Amino acid sequence: MITKKQLAELRITYPKGTRIELLKMDDFQAPPLGTKGTVVGVDDIGSILVHWDNGSSLNLIYGEDLFRVITEDKV
């Protein structure tokens, strides 16, 4: 379970529009490692809602899946 305080902190840390890169996800439907995406929100149970650049919309489970915030895409 996530506390209200933890939920509020997640929403502040990962606001809508935050760019991230997937590092690890144990799900057979997971996007490939290294896939980048944009946070679209944090739901009431603390899942981070992501629209992945490859078209997937699989959510991140904070504390289970690994990802990093990216500040800019390098070409």
C-alpha atoms as a PDB file:
ATOM      1  CA  MET A   1       0.000   0.000   0.000  1.00  0.00           C
ATOM      2  CA  ILE A   2       1.086   3.526  -0.690  1.00  0.00           C
ATOM      3  CA  THR A   3       0.497   6.346   1.767  1.00  0.00           C
ATOM      4  CA  LYS A   4      -1.081   9.658   0.799  1.00  0.00           C
ATOM      5  CA  LYS A   5       2.257  11.346   1.469  1.00  0.00           C
ATOM      6  CA  GLN A   6       4.148   8.922  -0.804  1.00  0.00           C
ATOM      7  CA  LEU A   7       1.529   9.377  -3.514  1.00  0.00           C
ATOM      8  CA  ALA A   8       1.835  13.153  -3.322  1.00  0.00           C
ATOM      9  CA  GLU A   9       5.635  12.888  -3.536  1.00  0.00           C
ATOM     10  CA  LEU A  10       5.403  10.663  -6.644  1.00  0.00           C
ATOM     11  CA  ARG A  11       3.103  13.183  -8.323  1.00  0.00           C
ATOM     12  CA  ILE A  12       5.551  15.997  -7.568  1.00  0.00           C
ATOM     13  CA  THR A  13       8.616  13.986  -8.630  1.00  0.00           C
ATOM     14  CA  TYR A  14       7.094  12.657 -11.883  1.00  0.00           C
ATOM     15  CA  PRO A  15       4.716  15.338 -13.185  1.00  0.00           C
ATOM     16  CA  LYS A  16       2.927  15.075 -16.505  1.00  0.00           C
ATOM     17  CA  GLY A  17       5.412  15.597 -19.324  1.00  0.00           C
ATOM     18  CA  THR A  18       8.433  14.066 -17.544  1.00  0.00           C
ATOM     19  CA  ARG A  19      10.584  12.125 -20.027  1.00  0.00           C
ATOM     20  CA  ILE A  20      11.869   8.745 -18.878  1.00  0.00           C
ATOM     21  CA  GLU A  21      13.842   5.769 -20.170  1.00  0.00           C
ATOM     22  CA  LEU A  22      13.012   2.168 -19.259  1.00  0.00           C
ATOM     23  CA  LEU A  23      15.842   0.242 -17.592  1.00  0.00           C
ATOM     24  CA  LYS A  24      14.050  -2.893 -16.283  1.00  0.00           C
ATOM     25  CA  MET A  25      10.499  -4.232 -16.271  1.00  0.00           C
ATOM     26  CA  ASP A  26       9.510  -7.829 -15.497  1.00  0.00           C
ATOM     27  CA  ASP A  27       6.504  -8.118 -17.793  1.00  0.00           C
ATOM     28  CA  PHE A  28       6.229 -10.080 -21.016  1.00  0.00           C
ATOM     29  CA  GLN A  29       4.445  -7.090 -22.594  1.00  0.00           C
ATOM     30  CA  ALA A  30       7.151  -4.629 -21.514  1.00  0.00           C
ATOM     31  CA  PRO A  31       8.605  -2.262 -24.071  1.00  0.00           C
ATOM     32  CA  PRO A  32      12.221  -3.046 -25.000  1.00  0.00           C
ATOM     33  CA  LEU A  33      14.812  -1.831 -22.507  1.00  0.00           C
ATOM     34  CA  GLY A  34      15.966   1.647 -23.435  1.00  0.00           C
ATOM     35  CA  THR A  35      12.538   2.678 -24.717  1.00  0.00           C
ATOM     36  CA  LYS A  36      11.734   6.283 -23.874  1.00  0.00           C
ATOM     37  CA  GLY A  37       8.362   7.648 -22.908  1.00  0.00           C
ATOM     38  CA  THR A  38       6.415  10.532 -21.440  1.00  0.00           C
ATOM     39  CA  VAL A  39       4.684  10.463 -18.060  1.00  0.00           C
ATOM     40  CA  VAL A  40       0.978  11.294 -18.339  1.00  0.00           C
ATOM     41  CA  GLY A  41       0.192  10.993 -14.642  1.00  0.00           C
ATOM     42  CA  VAL A  42       0.313   8.950 -11.445  1.00  0.00           C
ATOM     43  CA  ASP A  43      -2.792   6.960 -10.504  1.00  0.00           C
ATOM     44  CA  ASP A  44      -4.268   6.502  -7.028  1.00  0.00           C
ATOM     45  CA  ILE A  45      -2.223   3.369  -6.282  1.00  0.00           C
ATOM     46  CA  GLY A  46       1.075   4.977  -7.307  1.00  0.00           C
ATOM     47  CA  SER A  47       1.478   3.492 -10.780  1.00  0.00           C
ATOM     48  CA  ILE A  48       3.252   5.872 -13.125  1.00  0.00           C
ATOM     49  CA  LEU A  49       1.222   6.210 -16.318  1.00  0.00           C
ATOM     50  CA  VAL A  50       3.449   6.391 -19.394  1.00  0.00           C
ATOM     51  CA  HIS A  51       2.912   6.815 -23.117  1.00  0.00           C
ATOM     52  CA  TRP A  52       5.937   5.037 -24.541  1.00  0.00           C
ATOM     53  CA  ASP A  53       7.491   6.281 -27.785  1.00  0.00           C
ATOM     54  CA  ASN A  54       6.859   2.853 -29.368  1.00  0.00           C
ATOM     55  CA  GLY A  55       3.093   3.195 -28.865  1.00  0.00           C
ATOM     56  CA  SER A  56       2.772   1.127 -25.681  1.00  0.00           C
ATOM     57  CA  SER A  57       0.998   2.522 -22.637  1.00  0.00           C
ATOM     58  CA  LEU A  58       2.068  -0.051 -20.034  1.00  0.00           C
ATOM     59  CA  ASN A  59       2.319   1.558 -16.587  1.00  0.00           C
ATOM     60  CA  LEU A  60       5.426   1.571 -14.405  1.00  0.00           C
ATOM     61  CA  ILE A  61       5.174   0.161 -10.917  1.00  0.00           C
ATOM     62  CA  TYR A  62       7.259   2.397  -8.695  1.00  0.00           C
ATOM     63  CA  GLY A  63       9.685   0.350  -6.603  1.00  0.00           C
ATOM     64  CA  GLU A  64       9.444  -2.642  -8.965  1.00  0.00           C
ATOM     65  CA  ASP A  65      10.298  -1.344 -12.420  1.00  0.00           C
ATOM     66  CA  LEU A  66      13.509   0.562 -13.045  1.00  0.00           C
ATOM     67  CA  PHE A  67      13.661   3.720 -15.106  1.00  0.00           C
ATOM     68  CA  ARG A  68      15.488   7.001 -15.203  1.00  0.00           C
ATOM     69  CA  VAL A  69      14.411  10.549 -15.871  1.00  0.00           C
ATOM     70  CA  ILE A  70      15.995  11.939 -19.010  1.00  0.00           C
ATOM     71  CA  THR A  71      16.528  15.631 -19.344  1.00  0.00           C
ATOM     72  CA  GLU A  72      17.085  15.727 -23.072  1.00  0.00           C
ATOM     73  CA  ASP A  73      17.206  13.382 -26.022  1.00  0.00           C
ATOM     74  CA  LYS A  74      20.620  13.161 -27.645  1.00  0.00           C
ATOM     75  CA  VAL A  75      20.694  12.692 -31.409  1.00  0.00           C
END
